[in-house]
């Protein structure tokens, strides 16, 4: 995270693509191959790193409020 890149949000390898952007695409069903085609400067390992980052965030000793259905 760098305050001068994407307002300090977590980004992939100091590029201007946020971890959230990658996760959002995956959440709506984009495949790794589709992401790599849309963002040719990304590498497969970058996508795995985003997933690992998200996993580490939810692995902390935090509880999250229940979202009503």
PDB file of N, CA and C in Angstrom:
ATOM      1  N   UNK A   1       0.851  -1.176   0.000  1.00  0.00           N
ATOM      2  CA  UNK A   1       0.000   0.000   0.000  1.00  0.00           C
ATOM      3  C   UNK A   1       0.893   1.234   0.000  1.00  0.00           C
ATOM      4  N   UNK A   2       0.543   2.155  -0.842  1.00  0.00           N
ATOM      5  CA  UNK A   2       1.304   3.385  -0.989  1.00  0.00           C
ATOM      6  C   UNK A   2       0.297   4.527  -1.068  1.00  0.00           C
ATOM      7  N   UNK A   3       0.424   5.523  -0.190  1.00  0.00           N
ATOM      8  CA  UNK A   3      -0.567   6.607  -0.208  1.00  0.00           C
ATOM      9  C   UNK A   3      -0.627   7.373  -1.530  1.00  0.00           C
ATOM     10  N   UNK A   4       0.408   7.263  -2.346  1.00  0.00           N
ATOM     11  CA  UNK A   4       0.433   7.970  -3.623  1.00  0.00           C
ATOM     12  C   UNK A   4      -0.178   7.162  -4.768  1.00  0.00           C
ATOM     13  N   UNK A   5      -0.539   5.908  -4.505  1.00  0.00           N
ATOM     14  CA  UNK A   5      -1.144   5.056  -5.544  1.00  0.00           C
ATOM     15  C   UNK A   5      -2.529   4.625  -5.081  1.00  0.00           C
ATOM     16  N   UNK A   6      -3.540   4.968  -5.854  1.00  0.00           N
ATOM     17  CA  UNK A   6      -4.947   4.584  -5.564  1.00  0.00           C
ATOM     18  C   UNK A   6      -5.364   4.919  -4.136  1.00  0.00           C
ATOM     19  N   UNK A   7      -4.987   6.103  -3.696  1.00  0.00           N
ATOM     20  CA  UNK A   7      -5.369   6.593  -2.353  1.00  0.00           C
ATOM     21  C   UNK A   7      -4.963   5.650  -1.226  1.00  0.00           C
ATOM     22  N   UNK A   8      -3.881   4.913  -1.426  1.00  0.00           N
ATOM     23  CA  UNK A   8      -3.385   4.045  -0.362  1.00  0.00           C
ATOM     24  C   UNK A   8      -4.063   2.700  -0.264  1.00  0.00           C
ATOM     25  N   UNK A   9      -4.977   2.403  -1.187  1.00  0.00           N
ATOM     26  CA  UNK A   9      -5.633   1.092  -1.159  1.00  0.00           C
ATOM     27  C   UNK A   9      -4.628   0.021  -1.587  1.00  0.00           C
ATOM     28  N   UNK A  10      -4.822  -1.216  -1.135  1.00  0.00           N
ATOM     29  CA  UNK A  10      -3.916  -2.284  -1.549  1.00  0.00           C
ATOM     30  C   UNK A  10      -3.984  -2.487  -3.064  1.00  0.00           C
ATOM     31  N   UNK A  11      -2.821  -2.514  -3.698  1.00  0.00           N
ATOM     32  CA  UNK A  11      -2.741  -2.685  -5.144  1.00  0.00           C
ATOM     33  C   UNK A  11      -1.836  -3.861  -5.488  1.00  0.00           C
ATOM     34  N   UNK A  12      -1.915  -4.282  -6.720  1.00  0.00           N
ATOM     35  CA  UNK A  12      -1.091  -5.372  -7.222  1.00  0.00           C
ATOM     36  C   UNK A  12       0.249  -4.803  -7.692  1.00  0.00           C
ATOM     37  N   UNK A  13       1.320  -5.260  -7.095  1.00  0.00           N
ATOM     38  CA  UNK A  13       2.691  -4.921  -7.495  1.00  0.00           C
ATOM     39  C   UNK A  13       2.909  -3.463  -7.860  1.00  0.00           C
ATOM     40  N   UNK A  14       2.442  -2.552  -7.051  1.00  0.00           N
ATOM     41  CA  UNK A  14       2.605  -1.107  -7.286  1.00  0.00           C
ATOM     42  C   UNK A  14       1.981  -0.620  -8.591  1.00  0.00           C
ATOM     43  N   UNK A  15       1.088  -1.408  -9.165  1.00  0.00           N
ATOM     44  CA  UNK A  15       0.349  -0.975 -10.351  1.00  0.00           C
ATOM     45  C   UNK A  15      -0.904  -0.258  -9.879  1.00  0.00           C
ATOM     46  N   UNK A  16      -1.596   0.316 -10.782  1.00  0.00           N
ATOM     47  CA  UNK A  16      -2.822   1.041 -10.436  1.00  0.00           C
ATOM     48  C   UNK A  16      -4.061   0.172 -10.621  1.00  0.00           C
ATOM     49  N   UNK A  17      -3.959  -1.046 -10.165  1.00  0.00           N
ATOM     50  CA  UNK A  17      -5.131  -1.921 -10.117  1.00  0.00           C
ATOM     51  C   UNK A  17      -5.231  -2.443  -8.689  1.00  0.00           C
ATOM     52  N   UNK A  18      -6.381  -2.207  -8.082  1.00  0.00           N
ATOM     53  CA  UNK A  18      -6.523  -2.552  -6.674  1.00  0.00           C
ATOM     54  C   UNK A  18      -6.855  -4.035  -6.488  1.00  0.00           C
ATOM     55  N   UNK A  19      -6.515  -4.512  -5.315  1.00  0.00           N
ATOM     56  CA  UNK A  19      -6.872  -5.876  -4.931  1.00  0.00           C
ATOM     57  C   UNK A  19      -8.385  -6.025  -4.990  1.00  0.00           C
ATOM     58  N   UNK A  20      -9.094  -5.004  -4.546  1.00  0.00           N
ATOM     59  CA  UNK A  20     -10.555  -5.049  -4.557  1.00  0.00           C
ATOM     60  C   UNK A  20     -11.098  -5.228  -5.979  1.00  0.00           C
ATOM     61  N   UNK A  21     -10.499  -4.567  -6.944  1.00  0.00           N
ATOM     62  CA  UNK A  21     -10.939  -4.706  -8.326  1.00  0.00           C
ATOM     63  C   UNK A  21     -10.841  -6.161  -8.776  1.00  0.00           C
ATOM     64  N   UNK A  22      -9.717  -6.782  -8.491  1.00  0.00           N
ATOM     65  CA  UNK A  22      -9.534  -8.192  -8.870  1.00  0.00           C
ATOM     66  C   UNK A  22     -10.555  -9.063  -8.160  1.00  0.00           C
ATOM     67  N   UNK A  23     -10.734  -8.856  -6.860  1.00  0.00           N
ATOM     68  CA  UNK A  23     -11.692  -9.656  -6.095  1.00  0.00           C
ATOM     69  C   UNK A  23     -13.118  -9.438  -6.585  1.00  0.00           C
ATOM     70  N   UNK A  24     -13.460  -8.205  -6.941  1.00  0.00           N
ATOM     71  CA  UNK A  24     -14.805  -7.917  -7.460  1.00  0.00           C
ATOM     72  C   UNK A  24     -15.058  -8.668  -8.762  1.00  0.00           C
ATOM     73  N   UNK A  25     -14.075  -8.682  -9.654  1.00  0.00           N
ATOM     74  CA  UNK A  25     -14.235  -9.422 -10.909  1.00  0.00           C
ATOM     75  C   UNK A  25     -14.413 -10.913 -10.645  1.00  0.00           C
ATOM     76  N   UNK A  26     -13.618 -11.456  -9.743  1.00  0.00           N
ATOM     77  CA  UNK A  26     -13.747 -12.879  -9.416  1.00  0.00           C
ATOM     78  C   UNK A  26     -15.110 -13.167  -8.793  1.00  0.00           C
ATOM     79  N   UNK A  27     -15.604 -12.242  -7.972  1.00  0.00           N
ATOM     80  CA  UNK A  27     -16.878 -12.441  -7.281  1.00  0.00           C
ATOM     81  C   UNK A  27     -18.060 -12.512  -8.238  1.00  0.00           C
ATOM     82  N   UNK A  28     -17.946 -11.856  -9.384  1.00  0.00           N
ATOM     83  CA  UNK A  28     -19.059 -11.908 -10.343  1.00  0.00           C
ATOM     84  C   UNK A  28     -18.855 -12.984 -11.401  1.00  0.00           C
ATOM     85  N   UNK A  29     -17.829 -13.810 -11.229  1.00  0.00           N
ATOM     86  CA  UNK A  29     -17.675 -14.961 -12.095  1.00  0.00           C
ATOM     87  C   UNK A  29     -16.602 -14.882 -13.159  1.00  0.00           C
ATOM     88  N   UNK A  30     -15.842 -13.788 -13.197  1.00  0.00           N
ATOM     89  CA  UNK A  30     -14.740 -13.717 -14.159  1.00  0.00           C
ATOM     90  C   UNK A  30     -13.738 -14.826 -13.844  1.00  0.00           C
ATOM     91  N   UNK A  31     -13.178 -15.413 -14.861  1.00  0.00           N
ATOM     92  CA  UNK A  31     -12.174 -16.438 -14.659  1.00  0.00           C
ATOM     93  C   UNK A  31     -10.787 -15.800 -14.649  1.00  0.00           C
ATOM     94  N   UNK A  32      -9.832 -16.570 -14.175  1.00  0.00           N
ATOM     95  CA  UNK A  32      -8.446 -16.096 -14.205  1.00  0.00           C
ATOM     96  C   UNK A  32      -8.061 -15.723 -15.635  1.00  0.00           C
ATOM     97  N   UNK A  33      -8.397 -16.588 -16.579  1.00  0.00           N
ATOM     98  CA  UNK A  33      -8.026 -16.342 -17.976  1.00  0.00           C
ATOM     99  C   UNK A  33      -8.663 -15.064 -18.520  1.00  0.00           C
ATOM    100  N   UNK A  34      -9.915 -14.802 -18.156  1.00  0.00           N
ATOM    101  CA  UNK A  34     -10.570 -13.574 -18.599  1.00  0.00           C
ATOM    102  C   UNK A  34      -9.875 -12.347 -18.008  1.00  0.00           C
ATOM    103  N   UNK A  35      -9.520 -12.424 -16.733  1.00  0.00           N
ATOM    104  CA  UNK A  35      -8.805 -11.309 -16.098  1.00  0.00           C
ATOM    105  C   UNK A  35      -7.456 -11.075 -16.761  1.00  0.00           C
ATOM    106  N   UNK A  36      -6.744 -12.150 -17.029  1.00  0.00           N
ATOM    107  CA  UNK A  36      -5.428 -12.020 -17.653  1.00  0.00           C
ATOM    108  C   UNK A  36      -5.530 -11.463 -19.072  1.00  0.00           C
ATOM    109  N   UNK A  37      -6.615 -11.757 -19.743  1.00  0.00           N
ATOM    110  CA  UNK A  37      -6.818 -11.211 -21.084  1.00  0.00           C
ATOM    111  C   UNK A  37      -7.170  -9.724 -20.999  1.00  0.00           C
ATOM    112  N   UNK A  38      -7.999  -9.358 -20.023  1.00  0.00           N
ATOM    113  CA  UNK A  38      -8.396  -7.960 -19.858  1.00  0.00           C
ATOM    114  C   UNK A  38      -7.248  -7.093 -19.347  1.00  0.00           C
ATOM    115  N   UNK A  39      -6.396  -7.670 -18.544  1.00  0.00           N
ATOM    116  CA  UNK A  39      -5.265  -6.958 -17.947  1.00  0.00           C
ATOM    117  C   UNK A  39      -3.981  -7.729 -18.277  1.00  0.00           C
ATOM    118  N   UNK A  40      -3.453  -7.565 -19.485  1.00  0.00           N
ATOM    119  CA  UNK A  40      -2.322  -8.391 -19.922  1.00  0.00           C
ATOM    120  C   UNK A  40      -1.048  -8.206 -19.103  1.00  0.00           C
ATOM    121  N   UNK A  41      -0.958  -7.141 -18.332  1.00  0.00           N
ATOM    122  CA  UNK A  41       0.230  -6.926 -17.492  1.00  0.00           C
ATOM    123  C   UNK A  41       0.137  -7.696 -16.181  1.00  0.00           C
ATOM    124  N   UNK A  42      -1.022  -8.274 -15.883  1.00  0.00           N
ATOM    125  CA  UNK A  42      -1.165  -9.110 -14.693  1.00  0.00           C
ATOM    126  C   UNK A  42      -0.589 -10.490 -14.950  1.00  0.00           C
ATOM    127  N   UNK A  43      -0.195 -11.134 -13.879  1.00  0.00           N
ATOM    128  CA  UNK A  43       0.255 -12.520 -13.950  1.00  0.00           C
ATOM    129  C   UNK A  43      -0.667 -13.358 -13.067  1.00  0.00           C
ATOM    130  N   UNK A  44      -0.757 -14.618 -13.375  1.00  0.00           N
ATOM    131  CA  UNK A  44      -1.612 -15.526 -12.613  1.00  0.00           C
ATOM    132  C   UNK A  44      -1.294 -15.439 -11.114  1.00  0.00           C
ATOM    133  N   UNK A  45      -0.017 -15.309 -10.786  1.00  0.00           N
ATOM    134  CA  UNK A  45       0.405 -15.220  -9.387  1.00  0.00           C
ATOM    135  C   UNK A  45      -0.153 -13.964  -8.711  1.00  0.00           C
ATOM    136  N   UNK A  46      -0.384 -12.902  -9.484  1.00  0.00           N
ATOM    137  CA  UNK A  46      -0.985 -11.683  -8.927  1.00  0.00           C
ATOM    138  C   UNK A  46      -2.396 -11.957  -8.424  1.00  0.00           C
ATOM    139  N   UNK A  47      -3.144 -12.733  -9.179  1.00  0.00           N
ATOM    140  CA  UNK A  47      -4.519 -13.054  -8.787  1.00  0.00           C
ATOM    141  C   UNK A  47      -4.509 -13.917  -7.529  1.00  0.00           C
ATOM    142  N   UNK A  48      -3.609 -14.902  -7.498  1.00  0.00           N
ATOM    143  CA  UNK A  48      -3.480 -15.726  -6.296  1.00  0.00           C
ATOM    144  C   UNK A  48      -3.085 -14.871  -5.093  1.00  0.00           C
ATOM    145  N   UNK A  49      -2.225 -13.890  -5.312  1.00  0.00           N
ATOM    146  CA  UNK A  49      -1.809 -13.007  -4.213  1.00  0.00           C
ATOM    147  C   UNK A  49      -2.995 -12.206  -3.681  1.00  0.00           C
ATOM    148  N   UNK A  50      -3.895 -11.786  -4.561  1.00  0.00           N
ATOM    149  CA  UNK A  50      -5.101 -11.059  -4.121  1.00  0.00           C
ATOM    150  C   UNK A  50      -5.979 -11.953  -3.254  1.00  0.00           C
ATOM    151  N   UNK A  51      -6.138 -13.197  -3.671  1.00  0.00           N
ATOM    152  CA  UNK A  51      -6.929 -14.139  -2.884  1.00  0.00           C
ATOM    153  C   UNK A  51      -6.275 -14.416  -1.538  1.00  0.00           C
ATOM    154  N   UNK A  52      -4.966 -14.535  -1.530  1.00  0.00           N
ATOM    155  CA  UNK A  52      -4.254 -14.762  -0.277  1.00  0.00           C
ATOM    156  C   UNK A  52      -4.394 -13.563   0.655  1.00  0.00           C
ATOM    157  N   UNK A  53      -4.316 -12.357   0.105  1.00  0.00           N
ATOM    158  CA  UNK A  53      -4.485 -11.133   0.884  1.00  0.00           C
ATOM    159  C   UNK A  53      -5.865 -11.118   1.545  1.00  0.00           C
ATOM    160  N   UNK A  54      -6.898 -11.427   0.767  1.00  0.00           N
ATOM    161  CA  UNK A  54      -8.259 -11.456   1.307  1.00  0.00           C
ATOM    162  C   UNK A  54      -8.390 -12.518   2.390  1.00  0.00           C
ATOM    163  N   UNK A  55      -7.785 -13.652   2.183  1.00  0.00           N
ATOM    164  CA  UNK A  55      -7.833 -14.728   3.161  1.00  0.00           C
ATOM    165  C   UNK A  55      -7.181 -14.303   4.476  1.00  0.00           C
ATOM    166  N   UNK A  56      -6.059 -13.616   4.379  1.00  0.00           N
ATOM    167  CA  UNK A  56      -5.383 -13.146   5.591  1.00  0.00           C
ATOM    168  C   UNK A  56      -6.237 -12.128   6.352  1.00  0.00           C
ATOM    169  N   UNK A  57      -6.949 -11.286   5.620  1.00  0.00           N
ATOM    170  CA  UNK A  57      -7.793 -10.290   6.276  1.00  0.00           C
ATOM    171  C   UNK A  57      -8.917 -10.924   7.082  1.00  0.00           C
ATOM    172  N   UNK A  58      -9.546 -11.948   6.540  1.00  0.00           N
ATOM    173  CA  UNK A  58     -10.664 -12.564   7.246  1.00  0.00           C
ATOM    174  C   UNK A  58     -10.196 -13.592   8.267  1.00  0.00           C
ATOM    175  N   UNK A  59      -8.916 -13.902   8.274  1.00  0.00           N
ATOM    176  CA  UNK A  59      -8.370 -14.865   9.224  1.00  0.00           C
ATOM    177  C   UNK A  59      -8.028 -14.216  10.561  1.00  0.00           C
ATOM    178  N   UNK A  60      -8.069 -12.926  10.638  1.00  0.00           N
ATOM    179  CA  UNK A  60      -7.743 -12.220  11.877  1.00  0.00           C
ATOM    180  C   UNK A  60      -8.824 -12.478  12.921  1.00  0.00           C
ATOM    181  N   UNK A  61      -8.514 -12.167  14.134  1.00  0.00           N
ATOM    182  CA  UNK A  61      -9.459 -12.376  15.244  1.00  0.00           C
ATOM    183  C   UNK A  61     -10.498 -11.257  15.251  1.00  0.00           C
ATOM    184  N   UNK A  62     -11.295 -11.218  14.205  1.00  0.00           N
ATOM    185  CA  UNK A  62     -12.339 -10.228  14.090  1.00  0.00           C
ATOM    186  C   UNK A  62     -13.677 -10.936  13.939  1.00  0.00           C
ATOM    187  N   UNK A  63     -14.685 -10.278  14.394  1.00  0.00           N
ATOM    188  CA  UNK A  63     -16.033 -10.775  14.127  1.00  0.00           C
ATOM    189  C   UNK A  63     -16.715  -9.744  13.243  1.00  0.00           C
ATOM    190  N   UNK A  64     -17.597 -10.228  12.430  1.00  0.00           N
ATOM    191  CA  UNK A  64     -18.300  -9.342  11.503  1.00  0.00           C
ATOM    192  C   UNK A  64     -19.781  -9.382  11.828  1.00  0.00           C
ATOM    193  N   UNK A  65     -20.432  -8.228  11.755  1.00  0.00           N
ATOM    194  CA  UNK A  65     -21.863  -8.217  12.047  1.00  0.00           C
ATOM    195  C   UNK A  65     -22.622  -9.001  10.990  1.00  0.00           C
ATOM    196  N   UNK A  66     -23.705  -9.607  11.424  1.00  0.00           N
ATOM    197  CA  UNK A  66     -24.542 -10.353  10.486  1.00  0.00           C
ATOM    198  C   UNK A  66     -25.289  -9.366   9.612  1.00  0.00           C
ATOM    199  N   UNK A  67     -25.298  -9.655   8.318  1.00  0.00           N
ATOM    200  CA  UNK A  67     -26.011  -8.809   7.373  1.00  0.00           C
ATOM    201  C   UNK A  67     -27.395  -9.402   7.182  1.00  0.00           C
ATOM    202  N   UNK A  68     -28.426  -8.627   7.505  1.00  0.00           N
ATOM    203  CA  UNK A  68     -29.783  -9.159   7.366  1.00  0.00           C
ATOM    204  C   UNK A  68     -30.084  -9.517   5.919  1.00  0.00           C
ATOM    205  N   UNK A  69     -30.821 -10.591   5.753  1.00  0.00           N
ATOM    206  CA  UNK A  69     -31.188 -11.046   4.409  1.00  0.00           C
ATOM    207  C   UNK A  69     -32.294 -10.221   3.842  1.00  0.00           C
TER     208      UNK A  69
END
